[in-house]
Amino acid sequence: MTLEELRRLDPKKIGSWPVLPKLGVLLVALLLIVFASYWFDWQHQADAINTEKQKEAQLRTTFLEKKKLAVDLPAYRKQLEDIEKQFGALLKQLPGKAEIDALLIDINQAGLGRGLQFELFRPGTETVRDFYAELPIALKITGNYHDIGAFASDIGKLSRIVTLNDIAISSAKDLLVLDTTAKTFRYLDDSELAQRRRAAAAKSKPARR
């Protein structure tokens, strides 16, 4: 069909057109319908589908992670029980409030038993931590090299935890002078722990206006 024949076609009488022009118009109309459908409807549906696919992938990942945690839960509980047992064993190495005086005597006796002379034995002020209190003891001890070394070894063998910190050694005639801070620890009793919890709760409350 020539270009001149196409120009002669009456748009108001499409029904009388030849087959090829009719098919061309139908094809153009179909393409316009498909494009309009995509632009005004299908495009949004495709975006929604992609969003839901992303959500599905995230939910699947979350599910797998929680499934793994559920499978490993018995092992985690067993580890927690073991940690609590170890913590309890360590806690037993800390004296209670009533045992501190006896521990101070043990430290003093460890020095005297080695023939050392205490120039200073002064317990300091306790520092309270989360579940225990730390007590520093300023020590100044005079003795020979071997006795001071044996004293340090005896301190490490005490049934309760005692550490020697800030160690300084100087000479005095034929002897050595040991300046150190011994630190021992005690666990807080139930009343002290309850008091700390109440203080923490009161501190976390917002101030009233």
N, C-alpha and C. Protein backbone atom coordinates (compact mmCIF):
# COMPACT_ATOMS: atom_id res chain seq x y z
N MET A 1 0.85 -1.19 0.00
CA MET A 1 0.00 0.00 0.00
C MET A 1 0.89 1.23 0.00
N THR A 2 0.56 2.20 -0.90
CA THR A 2 1.41 3.37 -1.05
C THR A 2 1.10 4.41 0.01
N LEU A 3 2.03 5.37 0.13
CA LEU A 3 1.86 6.46 1.10
C LEU A 3 0.66 7.32 0.75
N GLU A 4 0.41 7.48 -0.56
CA GLU A 4 -0.73 8.29 -1.01
C GLU A 4 -2.04 7.63 -0.62
N GLU A 5 -2.08 6.30 -0.72
CA GLU A 5 -3.29 5.57 -0.34
C GLU A 5 -3.55 5.67 1.16
N LEU A 6 -2.48 5.68 1.95
CA LEU A 6 -2.64 5.82 3.39
C LEU A 6 -3.19 7.19 3.75
N ARG A 7 -2.76 8.20 3.03
CA ARG A 7 -3.24 9.55 3.29
C ARG A 7 -4.74 9.68 2.99
N ARG A 8 -5.22 8.89 2.04
CA ARG A 8 -6.62 8.97 1.65
C ARG A 8 -7.57 8.25 2.63
N LEU A 9 -7.01 7.49 3.53
CA LEU A 9 -7.85 6.74 4.46
C LEU A 9 -8.56 7.70 5.39
N ASP A 10 -9.85 7.47 5.62
CA ASP A 10 -10.66 8.33 6.50
C ASP A 10 -10.61 7.76 7.92
N PRO A 11 -10.04 8.54 8.89
CA PRO A 11 -9.96 8.03 10.27
C PRO A 11 -11.32 7.73 10.88
N LYS A 12 -12.39 8.34 10.32
CA LYS A 12 -13.72 8.11 10.87
C LYS A 12 -14.35 6.84 10.33
N LYS A 13 -13.72 6.25 9.32
CA LYS A 13 -14.27 5.02 8.72
C LYS A 13 -13.21 3.91 8.73
N ILE A 14 -12.70 3.65 9.93
CA ILE A 14 -11.64 2.62 10.06
C ILE A 14 -12.16 1.26 9.64
N GLY A 15 -13.45 1.03 9.85
CA GLY A 15 -14.02 -0.27 9.50
C GLY A 15 -13.94 -0.59 8.04
N SER A 16 -13.86 0.42 7.18
CA SER A 16 -13.78 0.19 5.73
C SER A 16 -12.35 0.16 5.22
N TRP A 17 -11.37 0.27 6.12
CA TRP A 17 -9.96 0.26 5.70
C TRP A 17 -9.55 -1.13 5.23
N PRO A 18 -8.49 -1.16 4.45
CA PRO A 18 -7.92 -2.48 4.08
C PRO A 18 -7.34 -3.18 5.33
N VAL A 19 -7.02 -4.44 5.16
CA VAL A 19 -6.59 -5.27 6.30
C VAL A 19 -5.28 -4.76 6.92
N LEU A 20 -4.30 -4.45 6.10
CA LEU A 20 -2.99 -4.06 6.63
C LEU A 20 -3.04 -2.79 7.48
N PRO A 21 -3.71 -1.70 7.02
CA PRO A 21 -3.81 -0.53 7.88
C PRO A 21 -4.55 -0.82 9.18
N LYS A 22 -5.61 -1.66 9.09
CA LYS A 22 -6.32 -2.02 10.31
C LYS A 22 -5.39 -2.71 11.31
N LEU A 23 -4.58 -3.65 10.82
CA LEU A 23 -3.66 -4.37 11.69
C LEU A 23 -2.63 -3.43 12.30
N GLY A 24 -2.17 -2.43 11.49
CA GLY A 24 -1.20 -1.46 12.00
C GLY A 24 -1.78 -0.64 13.14
N VAL A 25 -3.03 -0.18 12.95
CA VAL A 25 -3.68 0.61 14.01
C VAL A 25 -3.89 -0.23 15.26
N LEU A 26 -4.32 -1.49 15.08
CA LEU A 26 -4.52 -2.37 16.23
C LEU A 26 -3.20 -2.60 16.99
N LEU A 27 -2.10 -2.76 16.23
CA LEU A 27 -0.80 -2.98 16.86
C LEU A 27 -0.37 -1.76 17.66
N VAL A 28 -0.55 -0.56 17.07
CA VAL A 28 -0.19 0.66 17.79
C VAL A 28 -1.04 0.81 19.05
N ALA A 29 -2.36 0.54 18.91
CA ALA A 29 -3.25 0.64 20.07
C ALA A 29 -2.83 -0.34 21.17
N LEU A 30 -2.47 -1.57 20.73
CA LEU A 30 -2.04 -2.58 21.71
C LEU A 30 -0.78 -2.14 22.46
N LEU A 31 0.18 -1.57 21.70
CA LEU A 31 1.42 -1.11 22.33
C LEU A 31 1.15 0.03 23.31
N LEU A 32 0.23 0.93 22.93
CA LEU A 32 -0.12 2.03 23.83
C LEU A 32 -0.78 1.52 25.11
N ILE A 33 -1.66 0.51 24.94
CA ILE A 33 -2.31 -0.07 26.13
C ILE A 33 -1.30 -0.74 27.05
N VAL A 34 -0.35 -1.49 26.45
CA VAL A 34 0.67 -2.18 27.25
C VAL A 34 1.55 -1.15 27.97
N PHE A 35 1.96 -0.11 27.26
CA PHE A 35 2.81 0.91 27.88
C PHE A 35 2.07 1.62 29.02
N ALA A 36 0.80 2.00 28.77
CA ALA A 36 0.02 2.68 29.81
C ALA A 36 -0.17 1.77 31.03
N SER A 37 -0.43 0.50 30.77
CA SER A 37 -0.62 -0.45 31.88
C SER A 37 0.65 -0.56 32.72
N TYR A 38 1.80 -0.64 32.02
CA TYR A 38 3.07 -0.74 32.74
C TYR A 38 3.33 0.53 33.55
N TRP A 39 3.11 1.68 32.92
CA TRP A 39 3.46 2.95 33.55
C TRP A 39 2.57 3.25 34.76
N PHE A 40 1.27 2.97 34.62
CA PHE A 40 0.34 3.35 35.68
C PHE A 40 0.03 2.22 36.66
N ASP A 41 0.37 0.97 36.33
CA ASP A 41 -0.02 -0.13 37.22
C ASP A 41 1.09 -1.16 37.41
N TRP A 42 1.55 -1.76 36.30
CA TRP A 42 2.50 -2.88 36.44
C TRP A 42 3.81 -2.46 37.09
N GLN A 43 4.26 -1.23 36.80
CA GLN A 43 5.53 -0.77 37.37
C GLN A 43 5.47 -0.77 38.90
N HIS A 44 4.36 -0.26 39.46
CA HIS A 44 4.21 -0.23 40.92
C HIS A 44 4.09 -1.64 41.50
N GLN A 45 3.40 -2.50 40.75
CA GLN A 45 3.30 -3.88 41.21
C GLN A 45 4.67 -4.57 41.23
N ALA A 46 5.48 -4.27 40.19
CA ALA A 46 6.83 -4.86 40.15
C ALA A 46 7.68 -4.36 41.31
N ASP A 47 7.57 -3.05 41.62
CA ASP A 47 8.31 -2.50 42.77
C ASP A 47 7.86 -3.15 44.07
N ALA A 48 6.54 -3.34 44.20
CA ALA A 48 6.02 -3.97 45.42
C ALA A 48 6.51 -5.41 45.53
N ILE A 49 6.55 -6.11 44.40
CA ILE A 49 7.03 -7.51 44.41
C ILE A 49 8.50 -7.56 44.82
N ASN A 50 9.32 -6.64 44.28
CA ASN A 50 10.74 -6.61 44.65
C ASN A 50 10.92 -6.31 46.13
N THR A 51 10.09 -5.39 46.66
CA THR A 51 10.16 -5.06 48.09
C THR A 51 9.82 -6.28 48.93
N GLU A 52 8.77 -6.99 48.54
CA GLU A 52 8.37 -8.18 49.28
C GLU A 52 9.43 -9.28 49.19
N LYS A 53 10.09 -9.37 48.03
CA LYS A 53 11.18 -10.36 47.91
C LYS A 53 12.32 -10.04 48.86
N GLN A 54 12.65 -8.74 48.98
CA GLN A 54 13.71 -8.34 49.92
C GLN A 54 13.30 -8.66 51.36
N LYS A 55 12.02 -8.38 51.70
CA LYS A 55 11.54 -8.71 53.04
C LYS A 55 11.61 -10.21 53.29
N GLU A 56 11.25 -10.98 52.26
CA GLU A 56 11.31 -12.43 52.40
C GLU A 56 12.73 -12.90 52.66
N ALA A 57 13.71 -12.32 51.95
CA ALA A 57 15.11 -12.70 52.15
C ALA A 57 15.57 -12.33 53.56
N GLN A 58 15.16 -11.15 54.05
CA GLN A 58 15.53 -10.74 55.40
C GLN A 58 14.90 -11.66 56.44
N LEU A 59 13.62 -11.99 56.24
CA LEU A 59 12.94 -12.89 57.18
C LEU A 59 13.57 -14.28 57.17
N ARG A 60 13.97 -14.72 55.98
CA ARG A 60 14.62 -16.04 55.89
C ARG A 60 15.94 -16.04 56.65
N THR A 61 16.72 -14.94 56.48
CA THR A 61 17.99 -14.83 57.21
C THR A 61 17.77 -14.81 58.71
N THR A 62 16.77 -14.01 59.14
CA THR A 62 16.45 -13.94 60.58
C THR A 62 16.01 -15.30 61.10
N PHE A 63 15.19 -15.99 60.32
CA PHE A 63 14.72 -17.32 60.73
C PHE A 63 15.89 -18.29 60.89
N LEU A 64 16.81 -18.27 59.93
CA LEU A 64 17.95 -19.19 60.00
C LEU A 64 18.83 -18.88 61.20
N GLU A 65 19.01 -17.56 61.48
CA GLU A 65 19.83 -17.18 62.64
C GLU A 65 19.18 -17.65 63.94
N LYS A 66 17.86 -17.43 64.05
CA LYS A 66 17.16 -17.84 65.28
C LYS A 66 17.11 -19.36 65.39
N LYS A 67 17.00 -20.03 64.23
CA LYS A 67 17.01 -21.49 64.25
C LYS A 67 18.34 -22.01 64.77
N LYS A 68 19.43 -21.37 64.30
CA LYS A 68 20.76 -21.77 64.76
C LYS A 68 20.91 -21.54 66.26
N LEU A 69 20.38 -20.38 66.74
CA LEU A 69 20.45 -20.11 68.18
C LEU A 69 19.65 -21.14 68.96
N ALA A 70 18.48 -21.52 68.42
CA ALA A 70 17.65 -22.51 69.10
C ALA A 70 18.36 -23.86 69.17
N VAL A 71 19.03 -24.21 68.07
CA VAL A 71 19.76 -25.48 68.05
C VAL A 71 20.92 -25.45 69.04
N ASP A 72 21.60 -24.29 69.13
CA ASP A 72 22.77 -24.17 70.01
C ASP A 72 22.40 -23.83 71.45
N LEU A 73 21.11 -23.62 71.74
CA LEU A 73 20.70 -23.19 73.09
C LEU A 73 21.16 -24.15 74.19
N PRO A 74 21.00 -25.46 74.03
CA PRO A 74 21.48 -26.37 75.09
C PRO A 74 22.98 -26.21 75.35
N ALA A 75 23.76 -26.01 74.28
CA ALA A 75 25.21 -25.83 74.46
C ALA A 75 25.50 -24.53 75.20
N TYR A 76 24.75 -23.46 74.86
CA TYR A 76 24.93 -22.18 75.55
C TYR A 76 24.58 -22.31 77.04
N ARG A 77 23.50 -23.03 77.32
CA ARG A 77 23.10 -23.22 78.72
C ARG A 77 24.17 -23.99 79.49
N LYS A 78 24.75 -25.00 78.82
CA LYS A 78 25.81 -25.78 79.47
C LYS A 78 27.02 -24.89 79.75
N GLN A 79 27.38 -24.02 78.77
CA GLN A 79 28.50 -23.11 78.97
C GLN A 79 28.21 -22.15 80.12
N LEU A 80 26.96 -21.66 80.20
CA LEU A 80 26.58 -20.75 81.27
C LEU A 80 26.69 -21.43 82.63
N GLU A 81 26.26 -22.68 82.70
CA GLU A 81 26.37 -23.43 83.96
C GLU A 81 27.84 -23.60 84.35
N ASP A 82 28.69 -23.92 83.37
CA ASP A 82 30.12 -24.09 83.66
C ASP A 82 30.73 -22.77 84.14
N ILE A 83 30.34 -21.65 83.48
CA ILE A 83 30.87 -20.33 83.89
C ILE A 83 30.42 -20.00 85.31
N GLU A 84 29.14 -20.30 85.62
CA GLU A 84 28.63 -20.01 86.96
C GLU A 84 29.37 -20.84 88.01
N LYS A 85 29.69 -22.09 87.67
CA LYS A 85 30.44 -22.93 88.61
C LYS A 85 31.85 -22.38 88.82
N GLN A 86 32.50 -21.98 87.73
CA GLN A 86 33.84 -21.40 87.84
C GLN A 86 33.81 -20.10 88.63
N PHE A 87 32.78 -19.29 88.36
CA PHE A 87 32.64 -18.03 89.08
C PHE A 87 32.42 -18.29 90.57
N GLY A 88 31.59 -19.30 90.87
CA GLY A 88 31.35 -19.64 92.28
C GLY A 88 32.63 -20.10 92.97
N ALA A 89 33.45 -20.88 92.24
CA ALA A 89 34.71 -21.34 92.82
C ALA A 89 35.65 -20.16 93.08
N LEU A 90 35.70 -19.21 92.15
CA LEU A 90 36.54 -18.02 92.37
C LEU A 90 36.00 -17.17 93.51
N LEU A 91 34.66 -17.07 93.59
CA LEU A 91 34.06 -16.26 94.63
C LEU A 91 34.38 -16.81 96.02
N LYS A 92 34.51 -18.12 96.10
CA LYS A 92 34.84 -18.73 97.39
C LYS A 92 36.25 -18.35 97.86
N GLN A 93 37.09 -17.90 96.92
CA GLN A 93 38.43 -17.48 97.29
C GLN A 93 38.45 -16.06 97.87
N LEU A 94 37.33 -15.37 97.79
CA LEU A 94 37.23 -14.04 98.38
C LEU A 94 36.65 -14.16 99.78
N PRO A 95 37.29 -13.56 100.76
CA PRO A 95 36.76 -13.65 102.12
C PRO A 95 35.50 -12.81 102.27
N GLY A 96 34.70 -13.14 103.25
CA GLY A 96 33.57 -12.30 103.59
C GLY A 96 34.02 -11.17 104.49
N LYS A 97 33.07 -10.33 104.85
CA LYS A 97 33.39 -9.16 105.67
C LYS A 97 33.98 -9.57 107.01
N ALA A 98 33.46 -10.66 107.57
CA ALA A 98 33.92 -11.10 108.89
C ALA A 98 35.29 -11.77 108.83
N GLU A 99 35.73 -12.17 107.64
CA GLU A 99 36.99 -12.89 107.51
C GLU A 99 38.18 -11.98 107.19
N ILE A 100 37.93 -10.71 106.93
CA ILE A 100 39.01 -9.80 106.55
C ILE A 100 40.04 -9.68 107.66
N ASP A 101 39.59 -9.54 108.90
CA ASP A 101 40.54 -9.41 110.01
C ASP A 101 41.46 -10.61 110.11
N ALA A 102 40.89 -11.81 109.93
CA ALA A 102 41.71 -13.02 109.97
C ALA A 102 42.71 -13.04 108.82
N LEU A 103 42.30 -12.54 107.65
CA LEU A 103 43.21 -12.51 106.51
C LEU A 103 44.35 -11.52 106.75
N LEU A 104 44.06 -10.39 107.36
CA LEU A 104 45.12 -9.42 107.69
C LEU A 104 46.14 -10.04 108.64
N ILE A 105 45.62 -10.83 109.58
CA ILE A 105 46.53 -11.53 110.50
C ILE A 105 47.40 -12.53 109.75
N ASP A 106 46.79 -13.24 108.77
CA ASP A 106 47.56 -14.21 107.97
C ASP A 106 48.69 -13.52 107.21
N ILE A 107 48.41 -12.34 106.65
CA ILE A 107 49.45 -11.61 105.92
C ILE A 107 50.57 -11.19 106.88
N ASN A 108 50.18 -10.71 108.04
CA ASN A 108 51.17 -10.30 109.04
C ASN A 108 52.01 -11.49 109.50
N GLN A 109 51.36 -12.61 109.73
CA GLN A 109 52.07 -13.80 110.19
C GLN A 109 53.01 -14.35 109.12
N ALA A 110 52.60 -14.18 107.83
CA ALA A 110 53.46 -14.64 106.74
C ALA A 110 54.79 -13.90 106.75
N GLY A 111 54.75 -12.60 107.11
CA GLY A 111 55.99 -11.83 107.21
C GLY A 111 56.79 -12.16 108.46
N LEU A 112 56.10 -12.23 109.58
CA LEU A 112 56.80 -12.53 110.83
C LEU A 112 57.40 -13.93 110.81
N GLY A 113 56.70 -14.86 110.15
CA GLY A 113 57.19 -16.23 110.07
C GLY A 113 58.48 -16.33 109.28
N ARG A 114 58.78 -15.34 108.44
CA ARG A 114 60.01 -15.32 107.68
C ARG A 114 61.07 -14.42 108.33
N GLY A 115 60.77 -13.97 109.54
CA GLY A 115 61.74 -13.14 110.24
C GLY A 115 61.83 -11.72 109.72
N LEU A 116 60.80 -11.26 109.04
CA LEU A 116 60.81 -9.90 108.49
C LEU A 116 60.31 -8.90 109.54
N GLN A 117 60.73 -7.69 109.41
CA GLN A 117 60.31 -6.63 110.33
C GLN A 117 59.39 -5.67 109.58
N PHE A 118 58.19 -5.48 110.13
CA PHE A 118 57.22 -4.58 109.53
C PHE A 118 57.47 -3.15 110.02
N GLU A 119 57.86 -2.30 109.10
CA GLU A 119 57.97 -0.88 109.42
C GLU A 119 56.61 -0.18 109.24
N LEU A 120 55.78 -0.76 108.37
CA LEU A 120 54.46 -0.18 108.10
C LEU A 120 53.50 -1.30 107.73
N PHE A 121 52.33 -1.29 108.34
CA PHE A 121 51.25 -2.22 108.01
C PHE A 121 49.95 -1.44 108.19
N ARG A 122 49.48 -0.81 107.11
CA ARG A 122 48.36 0.12 107.24
C ARG A 122 47.28 -0.19 106.21
N PRO A 123 46.16 -0.81 106.65
CA PRO A 123 45.03 -1.01 105.74
C PRO A 123 44.44 0.32 105.30
N GLY A 124 44.09 0.41 104.02
CA GLY A 124 43.54 1.66 103.49
C GLY A 124 42.02 1.63 103.42
N THR A 125 41.48 2.46 102.58
CA THR A 125 40.02 2.57 102.42
C THR A 125 39.54 1.61 101.33
N GLU A 126 38.47 0.92 101.63
CA GLU A 126 37.91 -0.03 100.66
C GLU A 126 37.37 0.70 99.43
N THR A 127 37.54 0.05 98.30
CA THR A 127 36.92 0.52 97.06
C THR A 127 35.91 -0.54 96.63
N VAL A 128 34.65 -0.16 96.54
CA VAL A 128 33.58 -1.11 96.23
C VAL A 128 33.41 -1.21 94.72
N ARG A 129 33.44 -2.45 94.24
CA ARG A 129 33.21 -2.72 92.82
C ARG A 129 31.80 -3.30 92.64
N ASP A 130 31.58 -4.00 91.52
CA ASP A 130 30.24 -4.52 91.22
C ASP A 130 29.75 -5.50 92.28
N PHE A 131 30.55 -6.51 92.57
CA PHE A 131 30.11 -7.53 93.51
C PHE A 131 31.16 -7.82 94.58
N TYR A 132 32.21 -7.03 94.60
CA TYR A 132 33.26 -7.24 95.60
C TYR A 132 33.84 -5.89 96.02
N ALA A 133 34.61 -5.94 97.11
CA ALA A 133 35.29 -4.74 97.61
C ALA A 133 36.79 -5.00 97.61
N GLU A 134 37.55 -3.99 97.28
CA GLU A 134 39.01 -4.10 97.20
C GLU A 134 39.62 -3.32 98.37
N LEU A 135 40.47 -4.00 99.12
CA LEU A 135 41.10 -3.38 100.30
C LEU A 135 42.61 -3.30 100.09
N PRO A 136 43.16 -2.09 99.98
CA PRO A 136 44.62 -1.96 99.86
C PRO A 136 45.28 -1.91 101.24
N ILE A 137 46.47 -2.48 101.33
CA ILE A 137 47.23 -2.48 102.58
C ILE A 137 48.64 -2.01 102.26
N ALA A 138 49.03 -0.86 102.81
CA ALA A 138 50.37 -0.34 102.59
C ALA A 138 51.35 -1.10 103.48
N LEU A 139 52.39 -1.66 102.86
CA LEU A 139 53.39 -2.46 103.59
C LEU A 139 54.78 -1.89 103.37
N LYS A 140 55.54 -1.89 104.45
CA LYS A 140 56.97 -1.58 104.36
C LYS A 140 57.68 -2.60 105.24
N ILE A 141 58.49 -3.44 104.60
CA ILE A 141 59.07 -4.60 105.27
C ILE A 141 60.57 -4.58 105.08
N THR A 142 61.28 -4.92 106.15
CA THR A 142 62.74 -4.99 106.10
C THR A 142 63.19 -6.43 106.33
N GLY A 143 64.12 -6.90 105.50
CA GLY A 143 64.63 -8.25 105.66
C GLY A 143 65.65 -8.54 104.57
N ASN A 144 66.17 -9.77 104.57
CA ASN A 144 67.15 -10.12 103.53
C ASN A 144 66.41 -10.57 102.26
N TYR A 145 67.18 -10.74 101.22
CA TYR A 145 66.63 -11.01 99.88
C TYR A 145 65.79 -12.28 99.88
N HIS A 146 66.33 -13.36 100.45
CA HIS A 146 65.65 -14.65 100.41
C HIS A 146 64.37 -14.64 101.23
N ASP A 147 64.38 -13.98 102.38
CA ASP A 147 63.19 -13.95 103.23
C ASP A 147 62.07 -13.13 102.58
N ILE A 148 62.46 -12.03 101.94
CA ILE A 148 61.45 -11.22 101.25
C ILE A 148 60.84 -12.01 100.08
N GLY A 149 61.69 -12.73 99.35
CA GLY A 149 61.19 -13.56 98.25
C GLY A 149 60.27 -14.66 98.76
N ALA A 150 60.66 -15.28 99.89
CA ALA A 150 59.82 -16.33 100.47
C ALA A 150 58.49 -15.76 100.95
N PHE A 151 58.51 -14.53 101.49
CA PHE A 151 57.28 -13.88 101.94
C PHE A 151 56.34 -13.66 100.75
N ALA A 152 56.86 -13.19 99.64
CA ALA A 152 56.03 -12.98 98.45
C ALA A 152 55.43 -14.31 97.97
N SER A 153 56.23 -15.38 98.07
CA SER A 153 55.73 -16.69 97.68
C SER A 153 54.64 -17.16 98.62
N ASP A 154 54.83 -16.92 99.93
CA ASP A 154 53.81 -17.32 100.91
C ASP A 154 52.49 -16.57 100.69
N ILE A 155 52.61 -15.30 100.32
CA ILE A 155 51.39 -14.52 100.05
C ILE A 155 50.61 -15.15 98.89
N GLY A 156 51.32 -15.59 97.87
CA GLY A 156 50.66 -16.21 96.72
C GLY A 156 50.02 -17.54 97.05
N LYS A 157 50.45 -18.19 98.15
CA LYS A 157 49.91 -19.49 98.52
C LYS A 157 48.77 -19.41 99.52
N LEU A 158 48.42 -18.20 99.94
CA LEU A 158 47.31 -18.07 100.88
C LEU A 158 46.02 -18.58 100.24
N SER A 159 45.12 -19.07 101.08
CA SER A 159 43.86 -19.63 100.57
C SER A 159 42.98 -18.55 99.96
N ARG A 160 43.21 -17.30 100.37
CA ARG A 160 42.45 -16.18 99.82
C ARG A 160 43.33 -15.39 98.85
N ILE A 161 42.68 -14.65 97.97
CA ILE A 161 43.42 -13.91 96.95
C ILE A 161 44.05 -12.66 97.55
N VAL A 162 45.36 -12.55 97.43
CA VAL A 162 46.11 -11.35 97.84
C VAL A 162 47.14 -11.08 96.75
N THR A 163 47.22 -9.84 96.30
CA THR A 163 48.20 -9.48 95.28
C THR A 163 49.11 -8.39 95.82
N LEU A 164 50.35 -8.40 95.34
CA LEU A 164 51.32 -7.36 95.71
C LEU A 164 51.47 -6.42 94.53
N ASN A 165 51.30 -5.12 94.77
CA ASN A 165 51.30 -4.13 93.70
C ASN A 165 52.25 -2.98 94.05
N ASP A 166 52.66 -2.25 93.01
CA ASP A 166 53.52 -1.07 93.20
C ASP A 166 54.75 -1.41 94.05
N ILE A 167 55.43 -2.46 93.65
CA ILE A 167 56.58 -2.94 94.43
C ILE A 167 57.80 -2.05 94.20
N ALA A 168 58.43 -1.64 95.29
CA ALA A 168 59.69 -0.87 95.24
C ALA A 168 60.63 -1.45 96.28
N ILE A 169 61.87 -1.74 95.86
CA ILE A 169 62.87 -2.33 96.76
C ILE A 169 64.07 -1.40 96.85
N SER A 170 64.48 -1.14 98.06
CA SER A 170 65.67 -0.32 98.30
C SER A 170 66.54 -1.03 99.32
N SER A 171 67.78 -0.58 99.47
CA SER A 171 68.72 -1.22 100.41
C SER A 171 68.88 -0.36 101.66
N ALA A 172 69.09 -1.06 102.77
CA ALA A 172 69.34 -0.38 104.05
C ALA A 172 70.38 -1.21 104.79
N LYS A 173 71.63 -0.72 104.77
CA LYS A 173 72.76 -1.48 105.34
C LYS A 173 72.87 -2.83 104.63
N ASP A 174 72.79 -3.92 105.35
CA ASP A 174 72.93 -5.24 104.75
C ASP A 174 71.57 -5.85 104.40
N LEU A 175 70.49 -5.09 104.58
CA LEU A 175 69.14 -5.61 104.35
C LEU A 175 68.46 -4.87 103.20
N LEU A 176 67.32 -5.42 102.81
CA LEU A 176 66.48 -4.80 101.78
C LEU A 176 65.20 -4.28 102.41
N VAL A 177 64.67 -3.22 101.82
CA VAL A 177 63.40 -2.65 102.27
C VAL A 177 62.39 -2.79 101.13
N LEU A 178 61.29 -3.46 101.42
CA LEU A 178 60.24 -3.67 100.43
C LEU A 178 59.07 -2.73 100.73
N ASP A 179 58.81 -1.84 99.79
CA ASP A 179 57.62 -1.00 99.85
C ASP A 179 56.62 -1.52 98.82
N THR A 180 55.44 -1.86 99.26
CA THR A 180 54.44 -2.41 98.34
C THR A 180 53.04 -2.16 98.88
N THR A 181 52.09 -2.35 98.00
CA THR A 181 50.69 -2.29 98.40
C THR A 181 50.08 -3.67 98.15
N ALA A 182 49.72 -4.32 99.24
CA ALA A 182 49.03 -5.60 99.12
C ALA A 182 47.55 -5.32 98.93
N LYS A 183 46.93 -6.00 98.01
CA LYS A 183 45.49 -5.83 97.80
C LYS A 183 44.79 -7.16 98.03
N THR A 184 43.78 -7.10 98.86
CA THR A 184 42.94 -8.27 99.07
C THR A 184 41.51 -7.88 98.74
N PHE A 185 40.70 -8.87 98.58
CA PHE A 185 39.35 -8.62 98.08
C PHE A 185 38.35 -9.41 98.92
N ARG A 186 37.18 -8.87 99.06
CA ARG A 186 36.11 -9.60 99.74
C ARG A 186 34.83 -9.43 98.91
N TYR A 187 33.98 -10.45 99.00
CA TYR A 187 32.72 -10.33 98.29
C TYR A 187 31.72 -9.54 99.13
N LEU A 188 30.82 -8.86 98.45
CA LEU A 188 29.79 -8.10 99.14
C LEU A 188 28.69 -9.04 99.60
N ASP A 189 28.23 -8.85 100.84
CA ASP A 189 27.14 -9.70 101.33
C ASP A 189 25.82 -9.27 100.70
N ASP A 190 24.76 -10.02 101.00
CA ASP A 190 23.47 -9.78 100.36
C ASP A 190 22.93 -8.38 100.65
N SER A 191 23.11 -7.92 101.88
CA SER A 191 22.59 -6.59 102.24
C SER A 191 23.34 -5.49 101.47
N GLU A 192 24.65 -5.67 101.30
CA GLU A 192 25.43 -4.67 100.55
C GLU A 192 25.06 -4.68 99.07
N LEU A 193 24.84 -5.88 98.52
CA LEU A 193 24.42 -5.96 97.11
C LEU A 193 23.05 -5.32 96.91
N ALA A 194 22.13 -5.58 97.85
CA ALA A 194 20.80 -4.98 97.76
C ALA A 194 20.89 -3.46 97.85
N GLN A 195 21.77 -2.98 98.71
CA GLN A 195 21.93 -1.53 98.84
C GLN A 195 22.46 -0.92 97.56
N ARG A 196 23.41 -1.61 96.90
CA ARG A 196 23.96 -1.09 95.64
C ARG A 196 22.89 -1.10 94.55
N ARG A 197 22.04 -2.14 94.54
CA ARG A 197 20.97 -2.19 93.53
C ARG A 197 19.98 -1.06 93.75
N ARG A 198 19.65 -0.79 95.02
CA ARG A 198 18.73 0.31 95.29
C ARG A 198 19.33 1.65 94.89
N ALA A 199 20.62 1.81 95.15
CA ALA A 199 21.28 3.06 94.79
C ALA A 199 21.33 3.23 93.27
N ALA A 200 21.60 2.13 92.55
CA ALA A 200 21.65 2.19 91.09
C ALA A 200 20.27 2.49 90.52
N ALA A 201 19.21 1.88 91.12
CA ALA A 201 17.85 2.13 90.64
C ALA A 201 17.44 3.58 90.88
N ALA A 202 17.82 4.10 92.06
CA ALA A 202 17.48 5.50 92.36
C ALA A 202 18.21 6.45 91.44
N LYS A 203 19.44 6.10 91.08
CA LYS A 203 20.23 6.96 90.20
C LYS A 203 19.68 6.98 88.79
N SER A 204 19.09 5.84 88.36
CA SER A 204 18.58 5.74 86.99
C SER A 204 17.21 6.39 86.83
N LYS A 205 16.52 6.71 87.94
CA LYS A 205 15.20 7.34 87.83
C LYS A 205 15.35 8.78 87.37
N PRO A 206 14.47 9.23 86.45
CA PRO A 206 14.56 10.64 86.01
C PRO A 206 14.15 11.58 87.14
N ALA A 207 14.80 12.72 87.18
CA ALA A 207 14.51 13.70 88.23
C ALA A 207 13.14 14.30 88.01
N ARG A 208 12.39 14.47 89.10
CA ARG A 208 11.06 15.07 89.02
C ARG A 208 11.17 16.59 88.93
N ARG A 209 10.30 17.15 88.13
CA ARG A 209 10.28 18.61 87.99
C ARG A 209 9.15 19.21 88.84
